[in-house]
N, C-alpha and C. Protein backbone atom coordinates (compact mmCIF):
# COMPACT_ATOMS: atom_id res chain seq x y z
N MET A 1 10.58 -84.26 19.78
CA MET A 1 9.24 -83.78 19.80
C MET A 1 8.61 -84.24 21.00
N SER A 2 7.81 -83.33 21.67
CA SER A 2 7.02 -83.41 22.77
C SER A 2 5.93 -84.26 22.62
N LYS A 3 5.50 -85.02 23.70
CA LYS A 3 4.25 -85.77 23.70
C LYS A 3 2.94 -84.86 23.69
N LEU A 4 1.95 -85.31 22.81
CA LEU A 4 0.71 -84.56 22.66
C LEU A 4 0.05 -84.54 24.00
N THR A 5 -0.37 -83.50 24.74
CA THR A 5 -0.84 -83.57 26.07
C THR A 5 -2.25 -83.64 26.04
N HIS A 6 -2.82 -83.21 24.76
CA HIS A 6 -4.54 -83.35 24.79
C HIS A 6 -5.01 -84.89 24.44
N LEU A 7 -4.17 -85.80 24.49
CA LEU A 7 -4.68 -87.21 24.26
C LEU A 7 -4.07 -88.05 25.54
N ASP A 8 -5.17 -88.86 25.79
CA ASP A 8 -4.97 -89.91 26.99
C ASP A 8 -4.21 -91.07 26.80
N SER A 9 -4.13 -92.06 27.60
CA SER A 9 -3.42 -93.12 27.18
C SER A 9 -4.01 -94.23 26.18
N GLN A 10 -5.14 -93.92 25.86
CA GLN A 10 -6.00 -94.55 24.78
C GLN A 10 -6.07 -93.79 23.71
N GLY A 11 -5.52 -92.59 23.43
CA GLY A 11 -5.57 -91.81 22.33
C GLY A 11 -6.70 -90.95 22.25
N GLN A 12 -7.31 -90.87 23.12
CA GLN A 12 -8.73 -90.20 23.31
C GLN A 12 -8.55 -88.58 23.66
N ALA A 13 -9.20 -87.78 22.93
CA ALA A 13 -9.02 -86.35 23.39
C ALA A 13 -9.29 -85.95 24.63
N ARG A 14 -8.65 -85.10 25.29
CA ARG A 14 -9.16 -84.85 26.81
C ARG A 14 -8.54 -83.27 27.05
N MET A 15 -9.29 -82.64 27.82
CA MET A 15 -8.68 -81.29 28.34
C MET A 15 -7.47 -81.64 29.33
N VAL A 16 -6.40 -80.98 29.04
CA VAL A 16 -5.37 -81.17 30.19
C VAL A 16 -5.65 -80.84 31.58
N ASP A 17 -5.28 -81.51 32.61
CA ASP A 17 -5.50 -81.05 33.89
C ASP A 17 -4.25 -80.03 34.22
N ILE A 18 -4.73 -78.77 34.51
CA ILE A 18 -3.74 -77.77 34.96
C ILE A 18 -3.81 -77.44 36.38
N GLY A 19 -4.76 -78.14 37.13
CA GLY A 19 -5.04 -77.88 38.40
C GLY A 19 -3.80 -77.73 39.50
N ALA A 20 -2.83 -78.48 39.19
CA ALA A 20 -1.54 -78.55 40.02
C ALA A 20 -0.61 -77.56 39.81
N LYS A 21 -0.64 -76.84 38.44
CA LYS A 21 0.15 -75.77 38.04
C LYS A 21 0.11 -74.50 38.73
N LEU A 22 1.22 -73.79 38.97
CA LEU A 22 1.13 -72.70 39.67
C LEU A 22 0.91 -71.37 38.47
N ASP A 23 0.21 -70.39 39.19
CA ASP A 23 0.03 -69.30 38.17
C ASP A 23 1.26 -68.74 37.89
N SER A 24 1.52 -68.05 36.57
CA SER A 24 2.62 -67.25 36.21
C SER A 24 2.21 -66.54 35.16
N SER A 25 3.05 -65.40 34.93
CA SER A 25 2.78 -64.50 33.86
C SER A 25 3.10 -64.93 32.60
N ARG A 26 2.17 -65.03 31.62
CA ARG A 26 2.47 -65.53 30.43
C ARG A 26 1.86 -64.48 29.26
N THR A 27 2.56 -64.47 28.19
CA THR A 27 2.41 -63.70 26.98
C THR A 27 2.46 -64.47 25.77
N ALA A 28 1.79 -64.05 24.84
CA ALA A 28 1.85 -64.37 23.41
C ALA A 28 1.60 -63.25 22.30
N VAL A 29 2.27 -63.49 21.25
CA VAL A 29 2.22 -62.33 20.13
C VAL A 29 2.07 -63.37 18.94
N ALA A 30 0.86 -63.00 18.16
CA ALA A 30 0.67 -63.62 16.83
C ALA A 30 0.50 -62.64 15.74
N ARG A 31 0.58 -62.84 14.66
CA ARG A 31 0.45 -61.95 13.48
C ARG A 31 -0.19 -62.69 12.25
N GLY A 32 -0.86 -61.79 11.24
CA GLY A 32 -1.35 -62.26 10.15
C GLY A 32 -1.52 -61.34 9.23
N PHE A 33 -1.92 -61.41 7.91
CA PHE A 33 -1.80 -60.54 6.89
C PHE A 33 -3.13 -60.70 5.88
N VAL A 34 -3.59 -59.61 5.67
CA VAL A 34 -4.81 -59.60 4.61
C VAL A 34 -4.14 -58.83 3.33
N ALA A 35 -3.99 -59.66 2.27
CA ALA A 35 -3.64 -58.80 1.15
C ALA A 35 -4.99 -58.33 0.41
N MET A 36 -4.73 -57.32 -0.39
CA MET A 36 -5.98 -56.76 -1.28
C MET A 36 -5.43 -55.88 -2.29
N MET A 37 -6.30 -55.46 -3.05
CA MET A 37 -6.13 -54.66 -4.10
C MET A 37 -5.74 -53.13 -3.42
N PRO A 38 -4.74 -52.50 -3.98
CA PRO A 38 -4.37 -51.14 -3.65
C PRO A 38 -5.61 -50.34 -3.53
N ALA A 39 -6.55 -50.31 -4.42
CA ALA A 39 -7.91 -49.40 -4.25
C ALA A 39 -8.55 -49.77 -3.04
N THR A 40 -8.58 -51.03 -2.68
CA THR A 40 -9.41 -51.36 -1.34
C THR A 40 -8.46 -50.84 -0.22
N LEU A 41 -7.26 -50.94 -0.09
CA LEU A 41 -6.34 -50.35 0.98
C LEU A 41 -6.81 -48.86 1.04
N SER A 42 -6.77 -48.33 -0.08
CA SER A 42 -7.00 -46.76 -0.05
C SER A 42 -8.29 -46.51 0.49
N LEU A 43 -9.39 -47.16 0.10
CA LEU A 43 -10.75 -47.03 0.80
C LEU A 43 -10.65 -47.01 2.20
N ILE A 44 -9.96 -48.31 2.78
CA ILE A 44 -9.79 -48.25 4.15
C ILE A 44 -9.04 -47.41 4.92
N VAL A 45 -7.73 -46.75 4.43
CA VAL A 45 -6.99 -45.77 4.93
C VAL A 45 -7.91 -44.39 4.86
N GLU A 46 -8.77 -44.18 3.93
CA GLU A 46 -9.36 -42.81 3.80
C GLU A 46 -10.81 -42.89 4.62
N GLY A 47 -11.15 -44.10 5.19
CA GLY A 47 -12.34 -44.19 5.84
C GLY A 47 -13.48 -44.27 4.97
N GLN A 48 -13.54 -44.87 3.95
CA GLN A 48 -14.65 -44.89 2.91
C GLN A 48 -15.15 -45.97 2.57
N VAL A 49 -14.93 -47.14 3.53
CA VAL A 49 -15.46 -48.39 3.22
C VAL A 49 -17.02 -48.17 3.66
N PRO A 50 -17.93 -48.60 2.96
CA PRO A 50 -19.39 -48.56 3.20
C PRO A 50 -19.87 -49.09 4.73
N LYS A 51 -19.22 -50.20 5.13
CA LYS A 51 -19.56 -50.86 6.38
C LYS A 51 -18.96 -50.01 7.69
N GLY A 52 -18.22 -48.87 7.45
CA GLY A 52 -17.59 -48.15 8.66
C GLY A 52 -15.99 -48.36 8.77
N ASP A 53 -15.61 -47.89 9.88
CA ASP A 53 -14.13 -47.95 10.08
C ASP A 53 -13.75 -49.38 10.47
N VAL A 54 -12.97 -49.59 9.35
CA VAL A 54 -12.37 -51.13 9.24
C VAL A 54 -11.28 -51.35 10.53
N PHE A 55 -10.55 -50.35 10.78
CA PHE A 55 -9.26 -50.51 11.73
C PHE A 55 -10.20 -50.81 13.19
N ALA A 56 -11.10 -49.81 13.57
CA ALA A 56 -11.50 -49.93 14.91
C ALA A 56 -12.47 -51.31 15.06
N THR A 57 -13.26 -51.59 13.87
CA THR A 57 -14.16 -52.65 14.06
C THR A 57 -13.07 -54.09 14.15
N ALA A 58 -12.03 -54.18 13.43
CA ALA A 58 -11.23 -55.30 13.51
C ALA A 58 -10.43 -55.33 14.64
N ARG A 59 -10.06 -54.22 15.29
CA ARG A 59 -9.45 -54.42 16.56
C ARG A 59 -10.30 -54.77 17.65
N ILE A 60 -11.60 -54.47 17.69
CA ILE A 60 -12.46 -54.70 18.83
C ILE A 60 -12.86 -56.15 18.27
N ALA A 61 -13.09 -56.62 17.25
CA ALA A 61 -13.40 -58.05 16.78
C ALA A 61 -12.27 -58.84 17.38
N GLY A 62 -11.08 -58.59 16.96
CA GLY A 62 -10.11 -59.38 17.72
C GLY A 62 -9.87 -59.56 19.18
N ILE A 63 -9.97 -58.38 19.83
CA ILE A 63 -10.05 -58.53 21.29
C ILE A 63 -11.09 -59.38 21.72
N MET A 64 -12.46 -59.18 21.16
CA MET A 64 -13.49 -60.07 21.54
C MET A 64 -13.45 -61.50 21.49
N ALA A 65 -12.61 -61.71 20.22
CA ALA A 65 -12.49 -63.04 19.86
C ALA A 65 -11.61 -63.73 20.85
N ALA A 66 -10.47 -63.02 21.14
CA ALA A 66 -9.51 -63.63 22.23
C ALA A 66 -10.24 -64.21 23.55
N LYS A 67 -11.27 -63.29 23.83
CA LYS A 67 -12.09 -63.86 25.06
C LYS A 67 -12.89 -64.94 24.84
N ARG A 68 -13.19 -65.22 23.55
CA ARG A 68 -14.07 -66.27 23.20
C ARG A 68 -13.30 -67.78 22.62
N ALA A 69 -12.15 -67.64 22.78
CA ALA A 69 -11.40 -68.86 22.18
C ALA A 69 -11.80 -70.17 22.82
N PRO A 70 -11.89 -70.27 23.88
CA PRO A 70 -12.42 -71.53 24.63
C PRO A 70 -13.76 -71.92 23.98
N ASP A 71 -14.71 -71.08 23.43
CA ASP A 71 -15.86 -71.45 23.18
C ASP A 71 -15.70 -72.04 21.63
N LEU A 72 -14.63 -71.53 20.94
CA LEU A 72 -14.38 -72.05 19.57
C LEU A 72 -13.53 -73.17 19.53
N ILE A 73 -12.51 -73.39 20.22
CA ILE A 73 -11.61 -74.44 20.43
C ILE A 73 -11.86 -75.44 21.54
N PRO A 74 -12.35 -76.44 21.25
CA PRO A 74 -12.76 -77.41 22.34
C PRO A 74 -12.05 -77.77 23.51
N LEU A 75 -10.59 -77.85 23.39
CA LEU A 75 -9.89 -78.23 24.73
C LEU A 75 -9.01 -77.13 25.09
N CYS A 76 -9.48 -75.92 24.68
CA CYS A 76 -8.79 -74.60 25.13
C CYS A 76 -9.30 -74.14 26.43
N HIS A 77 -8.55 -74.02 27.46
CA HIS A 77 -8.95 -73.69 28.83
C HIS A 77 -9.62 -72.20 28.85
N PRO A 78 -10.43 -71.73 29.53
CA PRO A 78 -10.83 -70.26 29.86
C PRO A 78 -9.78 -69.62 30.56
N LEU A 79 -9.39 -68.35 30.00
CA LEU A 79 -8.40 -67.53 30.73
C LEU A 79 -8.95 -66.15 31.21
N LEU A 80 -8.60 -65.62 32.27
CA LEU A 80 -8.80 -64.20 32.44
C LEU A 80 -7.72 -63.44 32.00
N ILE A 81 -7.89 -62.94 30.84
CA ILE A 81 -7.04 -62.09 29.98
C ILE A 81 -6.76 -60.90 30.59
N SER A 82 -5.39 -60.57 30.81
CA SER A 82 -4.98 -59.31 31.46
C SER A 82 -4.61 -58.24 30.50
N LYS A 83 -4.33 -58.58 29.34
CA LYS A 83 -3.75 -57.58 28.49
C LYS A 83 -4.12 -58.28 26.89
N SER A 84 -4.68 -57.24 26.27
CA SER A 84 -5.21 -57.71 24.86
C SER A 84 -4.93 -56.47 23.80
N ALA A 85 -3.99 -56.43 23.06
CA ALA A 85 -3.69 -55.33 22.22
C ALA A 85 -3.57 -55.65 20.63
N LEU A 86 -4.43 -55.06 19.91
CA LEU A 86 -4.12 -55.33 18.51
C LEU A 86 -3.66 -54.24 17.77
N ASN A 87 -2.71 -54.53 16.95
CA ASN A 87 -2.09 -53.55 16.15
C ASN A 87 -2.38 -53.76 14.67
N LEU A 88 -2.88 -52.86 13.95
CA LEU A 88 -3.19 -53.11 12.52
C LEU A 88 -2.32 -52.10 11.79
N SER A 89 -1.50 -52.61 10.89
CA SER A 89 -0.52 -51.77 10.04
C SER A 89 -0.70 -51.86 8.65
N VAL A 90 -0.72 -50.61 8.11
CA VAL A 90 -0.90 -50.58 6.56
C VAL A 90 0.41 -50.92 5.97
N ILE A 91 0.20 -51.93 4.92
CA ILE A 91 1.24 -52.32 4.13
C ILE A 91 1.18 -51.79 2.62
N ASN A 92 1.96 -50.88 2.27
CA ASN A 92 1.90 -50.09 1.14
C ASN A 92 2.66 -50.65 0.08
N PRO A 93 2.29 -50.34 -1.23
CA PRO A 93 3.08 -50.80 -2.36
C PRO A 93 4.54 -50.54 -2.15
N GLY A 94 5.30 -51.72 -2.49
CA GLY A 94 6.97 -51.49 -2.38
C GLY A 94 7.41 -51.94 -1.03
N GLU A 95 6.43 -52.17 -0.04
CA GLU A 95 7.07 -52.43 1.37
C GLU A 95 7.21 -54.02 1.53
N ARG A 96 6.76 -54.86 0.59
CA ARG A 96 6.92 -56.29 0.56
C ARG A 96 7.72 -56.79 -0.51
N ALA A 97 8.43 -57.67 -0.42
CA ALA A 97 9.29 -58.19 -1.60
C ALA A 97 8.34 -58.87 -2.76
N ASP A 98 7.19 -59.33 -2.19
CA ASP A 98 6.24 -60.08 -3.22
C ASP A 98 5.24 -58.93 -3.77
N GLY A 99 5.34 -57.59 -3.53
CA GLY A 99 4.55 -56.59 -3.87
C GLY A 99 3.07 -56.46 -3.44
N LYS A 100 2.69 -57.45 -2.47
CA LYS A 100 1.42 -57.14 -2.02
C LYS A 100 1.25 -56.13 -1.02
N VAL A 101 -0.07 -55.73 -1.14
CA VAL A 101 -0.44 -54.40 -0.07
C VAL A 101 -1.49 -55.15 0.77
N GLY A 102 -1.74 -54.50 1.71
CA GLY A 102 -2.83 -54.88 2.63
C GLY A 102 -2.65 -54.27 4.17
N ILE A 103 -3.14 -55.13 5.15
CA ILE A 103 -3.01 -54.78 6.41
C ILE A 103 -2.66 -56.11 7.25
N GLN A 104 -1.53 -55.69 7.99
CA GLN A 104 -0.90 -56.69 8.87
C GLN A 104 -1.56 -56.63 10.22
N VAL A 105 -1.88 -57.60 10.78
CA VAL A 105 -2.53 -57.51 12.06
C VAL A 105 -1.59 -58.29 13.06
N GLN A 106 -1.38 -57.78 14.28
CA GLN A 106 -0.72 -58.32 15.27
C GLN A 106 -1.32 -58.15 16.60
N ALA A 107 -1.37 -59.33 17.23
CA ALA A 107 -2.05 -59.36 18.69
C ALA A 107 -0.94 -59.68 19.92
N SER A 108 -1.01 -58.89 20.77
CA SER A 108 -0.18 -59.10 22.01
C SER A 108 -1.13 -59.29 23.20
N LEU A 109 -1.02 -60.52 23.66
CA LEU A 109 -1.89 -60.85 24.84
C LEU A 109 -1.17 -61.29 26.03
N GLY A 110 -1.78 -60.98 27.24
CA GLY A 110 -1.04 -61.34 28.50
C GLY A 110 -2.11 -61.99 29.52
N VAL A 111 -1.61 -62.84 30.29
CA VAL A 111 -2.43 -63.42 31.39
C VAL A 111 -1.64 -63.80 32.63
N ILE A 112 -1.97 -63.85 33.65
CA ILE A 112 -1.49 -64.47 34.98
C ILE A 112 -2.46 -65.91 35.04
N GLY A 113 -1.81 -66.94 34.76
CA GLY A 113 -2.51 -68.06 34.84
C GLY A 113 -1.68 -69.37 34.85
N LYS A 114 -2.43 -70.50 34.84
CA LYS A 114 -1.82 -71.92 34.78
C LYS A 114 -1.59 -72.40 33.49
N THR A 115 -1.95 -71.67 32.37
CA THR A 115 -1.63 -72.15 30.96
C THR A 115 -1.34 -71.04 30.01
N GLY A 116 -0.85 -71.46 28.97
CA GLY A 116 -0.43 -70.33 28.09
C GLY A 116 -1.59 -69.64 27.22
N ILE A 117 -1.36 -68.54 26.64
CA ILE A 117 -2.39 -67.77 26.03
C ILE A 117 -2.15 -67.59 24.37
N GLU A 118 -1.69 -68.64 23.85
CA GLU A 118 -1.15 -68.65 22.35
C GLU A 118 -2.38 -68.62 21.50
N MET A 119 -3.48 -69.73 21.85
CA MET A 119 -4.52 -69.82 21.20
C MET A 119 -5.36 -68.83 21.18
N GLU A 120 -5.43 -67.75 22.17
CA GLU A 120 -6.17 -66.76 22.20
C GLU A 120 -5.55 -65.60 21.30
N ALA A 121 -4.18 -65.34 21.29
CA ALA A 121 -3.53 -64.59 20.25
C ALA A 121 -3.88 -65.07 18.91
N LEU A 122 -3.82 -66.21 18.38
CA LEU A 122 -3.96 -66.72 17.24
C LEU A 122 -5.49 -66.53 16.85
N THR A 123 -6.35 -66.72 17.82
CA THR A 123 -7.77 -66.47 17.47
C THR A 123 -8.02 -65.01 17.20
N ALA A 124 -7.44 -64.14 18.24
CA ALA A 124 -7.65 -62.64 17.98
C ALA A 124 -7.39 -62.26 16.48
N VAL A 125 -6.02 -62.61 15.91
CA VAL A 125 -5.45 -62.33 14.77
C VAL A 125 -6.42 -62.88 13.75
N SER A 126 -7.04 -63.96 13.75
CA SER A 126 -7.73 -64.64 12.87
C SER A 126 -9.12 -63.90 12.50
N VAL A 127 -9.68 -63.74 13.81
CA VAL A 127 -10.90 -62.93 13.72
C VAL A 127 -10.92 -61.62 13.22
N ALA A 128 -9.62 -60.88 13.63
CA ALA A 128 -9.53 -59.65 13.13
C ALA A 128 -9.33 -59.51 11.51
N CYS A 129 -8.71 -60.44 11.03
CA CYS A 129 -8.42 -60.75 9.59
C CYS A 129 -9.83 -60.91 8.96
N LEU A 130 -10.51 -61.89 9.44
CA LEU A 130 -11.75 -62.22 8.90
C LEU A 130 -12.70 -60.94 8.98
N THR A 131 -12.46 -60.18 10.01
CA THR A 131 -13.50 -58.92 10.10
C THR A 131 -13.11 -57.81 8.97
N ILE A 132 -11.92 -57.87 8.57
CA ILE A 132 -11.46 -56.96 7.44
C ILE A 132 -12.04 -57.41 6.29
N TYR A 133 -11.94 -58.66 6.01
CA TYR A 133 -12.40 -59.30 4.77
C TYR A 133 -13.99 -59.17 4.84
N ASP A 134 -14.65 -59.22 5.76
CA ASP A 134 -16.06 -59.12 5.86
C ASP A 134 -16.50 -57.59 5.68
N MET A 135 -15.86 -56.69 6.10
CA MET A 135 -16.02 -55.46 5.97
C MET A 135 -15.83 -54.81 4.39
N CYS A 136 -14.80 -55.59 3.82
CA CYS A 136 -14.38 -55.00 2.56
C CYS A 136 -14.84 -55.86 1.27
N LYS A 137 -15.43 -57.06 1.54
CA LYS A 137 -15.71 -58.06 0.45
C LYS A 137 -16.69 -57.42 -0.62
N ALA A 138 -17.48 -56.46 -0.29
CA ALA A 138 -18.26 -55.75 -1.34
C ALA A 138 -17.43 -55.20 -2.56
N VAL A 139 -16.19 -54.73 -2.02
CA VAL A 139 -15.51 -53.87 -2.88
C VAL A 139 -14.27 -54.89 -3.46
N ASP A 140 -14.00 -55.96 -2.82
CA ASP A 140 -12.91 -56.77 -3.13
C ASP A 140 -12.84 -58.13 -2.52
N ARG A 141 -13.55 -58.98 -3.40
CA ARG A 141 -13.70 -60.43 -2.88
C ARG A 141 -12.41 -61.22 -3.02
N GLY A 142 -11.51 -60.72 -3.73
CA GLY A 142 -10.21 -61.48 -4.03
C GLY A 142 -9.29 -61.32 -2.88
N MET A 143 -9.64 -60.64 -1.72
CA MET A 143 -8.56 -60.40 -0.60
C MET A 143 -8.30 -61.89 -0.17
N GLU A 144 -7.05 -61.96 0.37
CA GLU A 144 -6.31 -63.18 0.95
C GLU A 144 -5.93 -62.96 2.35
N ILE A 145 -6.37 -63.83 3.02
CA ILE A 145 -5.80 -64.02 4.51
C ILE A 145 -4.74 -64.87 4.52
N SER A 146 -3.66 -64.70 5.09
CA SER A 146 -2.37 -65.63 5.07
C SER A 146 -1.57 -65.02 6.22
N GLU A 147 -0.62 -65.87 6.33
CA GLU A 147 0.71 -65.79 7.37
C GLU A 147 0.27 -65.68 8.73
N ILE A 148 -0.90 -66.31 9.18
CA ILE A 148 -1.26 -66.23 10.52
C ILE A 148 -0.37 -67.24 11.38
N ARG A 149 0.29 -66.83 12.32
CA ARG A 149 1.30 -67.41 12.96
C ARG A 149 1.72 -66.91 14.33
N LEU A 150 2.03 -67.79 15.25
CA LEU A 150 2.79 -67.36 16.37
C LEU A 150 3.98 -66.85 16.38
N LEU A 151 4.32 -65.69 16.85
CA LEU A 151 5.72 -65.22 16.83
C LEU A 151 6.48 -65.24 18.18
N LYS A 152 5.60 -65.24 19.19
CA LYS A 152 6.49 -65.35 20.69
C LYS A 152 5.62 -65.88 21.49
N LYS A 153 5.89 -66.85 22.45
CA LYS A 153 5.35 -67.22 23.59
C LYS A 153 6.13 -66.93 24.83
N ASP A 154 5.79 -66.54 25.97
CA ASP A 154 6.70 -66.67 27.27
C ASP A 154 6.06 -66.94 28.47
N GLY A 155 6.53 -67.46 29.22
CA GLY A 155 6.03 -67.83 30.39
C GLY A 155 5.84 -69.48 30.70
N GLY A 156 5.46 -69.79 31.92
CA GLY A 156 5.25 -71.25 31.96
C GLY A 156 6.52 -72.09 31.99
N ALA A 157 6.37 -73.31 32.21
CA ALA A 157 7.54 -74.39 32.51
C ALA A 157 8.48 -74.15 31.24
N SER A 158 7.78 -73.93 30.05
CA SER A 158 8.59 -74.03 28.84
C SER A 158 9.30 -72.48 28.54
N GLY A 159 8.97 -71.55 29.11
CA GLY A 159 9.64 -70.45 29.07
C GLY A 159 9.52 -69.65 27.71
N LEU A 160 10.48 -69.02 27.35
CA LEU A 160 10.41 -68.13 26.07
C LEU A 160 10.47 -68.98 24.86
N TRP A 161 9.62 -68.85 23.84
CA TRP A 161 9.93 -69.26 22.61
C TRP A 161 9.72 -68.09 21.52
N LEU A 162 10.67 -67.90 20.71
CA LEU A 162 10.45 -66.92 19.64
C LEU A 162 10.68 -67.61 18.24
N ARG A 163 9.80 -67.05 17.24
CA ARG A 163 9.83 -67.65 15.98
C ARG A 163 11.21 -67.17 15.08
N GLU A 164 11.93 -68.02 14.76
CA GLU A 164 13.03 -67.69 13.95
C GLU A 164 12.92 -66.96 12.76
N ALA A 165 13.68 -66.15 12.33
CA ALA A 165 13.50 -65.55 10.92
C ALA A 165 13.61 -66.43 9.85
N SER A 166 12.71 -66.32 9.05
CA SER A 166 12.72 -67.13 7.81
C SER A 166 13.69 -66.78 6.80
N LEU A 167 14.70 -67.50 6.49
CA LEU A 167 15.78 -67.28 5.55
C LEU A 167 15.19 -67.23 4.14
N ASP A 168 14.08 -68.00 3.93
CA ASP A 168 13.62 -68.05 2.57
C ASP A 168 12.46 -67.19 2.37
N ASN A 169 11.82 -66.62 3.16
CA ASN A 169 10.68 -65.47 3.15
C ASN A 169 11.14 -64.23 3.28
N GLU A 170 11.37 -63.36 2.15
CA GLU A 170 11.53 -62.00 2.30
C GLU A 170 10.43 -61.24 2.71
N ASN A 171 9.22 -61.79 2.69
CA ASN A 171 7.96 -60.91 3.00
C ASN A 171 7.79 -60.82 4.54
N GLU A 172 8.60 -61.70 5.16
CA GLU A 172 8.37 -61.71 6.70
C GLU A 172 8.84 -60.43 7.30
N CYS A 173 8.00 -59.68 8.27
CA CYS A 173 8.54 -58.69 8.83
C CYS A 173 8.53 -59.05 10.36
N GLU A 174 10.03 -59.22 10.62
CA GLU A 174 10.23 -59.80 11.93
C GLU A 174 9.96 -58.58 12.94
N PRO A 175 9.32 -59.10 14.00
CA PRO A 175 8.99 -58.08 14.99
C PRO A 175 10.19 -57.44 15.71
N THR A 176 9.99 -56.29 16.21
CA THR A 176 11.12 -55.78 17.05
C THR A 176 10.83 -56.04 18.48
N GLY A 177 11.67 -55.64 19.52
CA GLY A 177 11.29 -55.93 20.74
C GLY A 177 10.01 -55.25 21.34
N SER A 178 9.86 -53.98 20.91
CA SER A 178 8.77 -53.20 21.31
C SER A 178 7.34 -53.74 20.63
N GLU A 179 7.41 -54.12 19.43
CA GLU A 179 6.31 -54.95 18.83
C GLU A 179 5.80 -56.17 19.50
N LEU A 180 6.89 -56.83 20.21
CA LEU A 180 6.60 -58.19 20.90
C LEU A 180 5.99 -57.83 21.97
N THR A 181 6.16 -56.82 22.71
CA THR A 181 5.56 -56.48 24.13
C THR A 181 4.54 -55.84 24.34
N ASP A 182 4.24 -54.64 23.40
CA ASP A 182 3.63 -53.72 23.52
C ASP A 182 3.12 -52.84 22.25
N PRO A 183 2.27 -53.68 21.36
CA PRO A 183 2.07 -52.85 20.02
C PRO A 183 1.34 -51.84 20.27
N ALA A 184 1.75 -50.74 19.47
CA ALA A 184 0.85 -49.38 19.46
C ALA A 184 -0.50 -49.51 18.93
N PRO A 185 -1.48 -48.92 19.24
CA PRO A 185 -2.64 -48.99 18.36
C PRO A 185 -2.51 -48.26 17.16
N HIS A 186 -3.31 -48.49 15.89
CA HIS A 186 -3.09 -47.82 14.72
C HIS A 186 -3.42 -46.46 15.03
N PRO A 187 -2.54 -45.57 14.14
CA PRO A 187 -2.72 -44.08 14.56
C PRO A 187 -3.94 -43.38 14.05
N ARG A 188 -5.05 -44.00 13.74
CA ARG A 188 -6.42 -43.53 13.42
C ARG A 188 -7.12 -43.05 14.70
């Protein structure tokens, strides 16, 4: 296991010094899921949620959140994000082994910088999922946010990391190459 870089020799939290690192291209992809009642999903797809367009609002919220990650995560470095794409996919009945329906959120971010962009991708997904919940809570307080995880990171000294397919999780929808590099926006 690697040493924790956010701790100094006395075990105190610190921001990692990245000053001597060279800029390089870095990417990260994260994903999450919001489970809901089928009727709630229908309202979203039909554009009938009283607060407005859930897809557009969640997408913008995620992009905005990625830019604010260092304001939320104390030791996260500010980055000049060069790419931020959020893909929201409708998961209908019968598409998951567990029978859950809802919206899968995937963020794909890129930067030319001295440190990775994983925290920004995870923040984007988290806030997009929270936005979906906020917009729909009046009709479905039982929604569940889950499965927020990093799927891919690339660049920097550690290079490429991909999440391995879980052999025991039939609900995991593993990303294809195109999803990992450039997710398309929702077709609305």
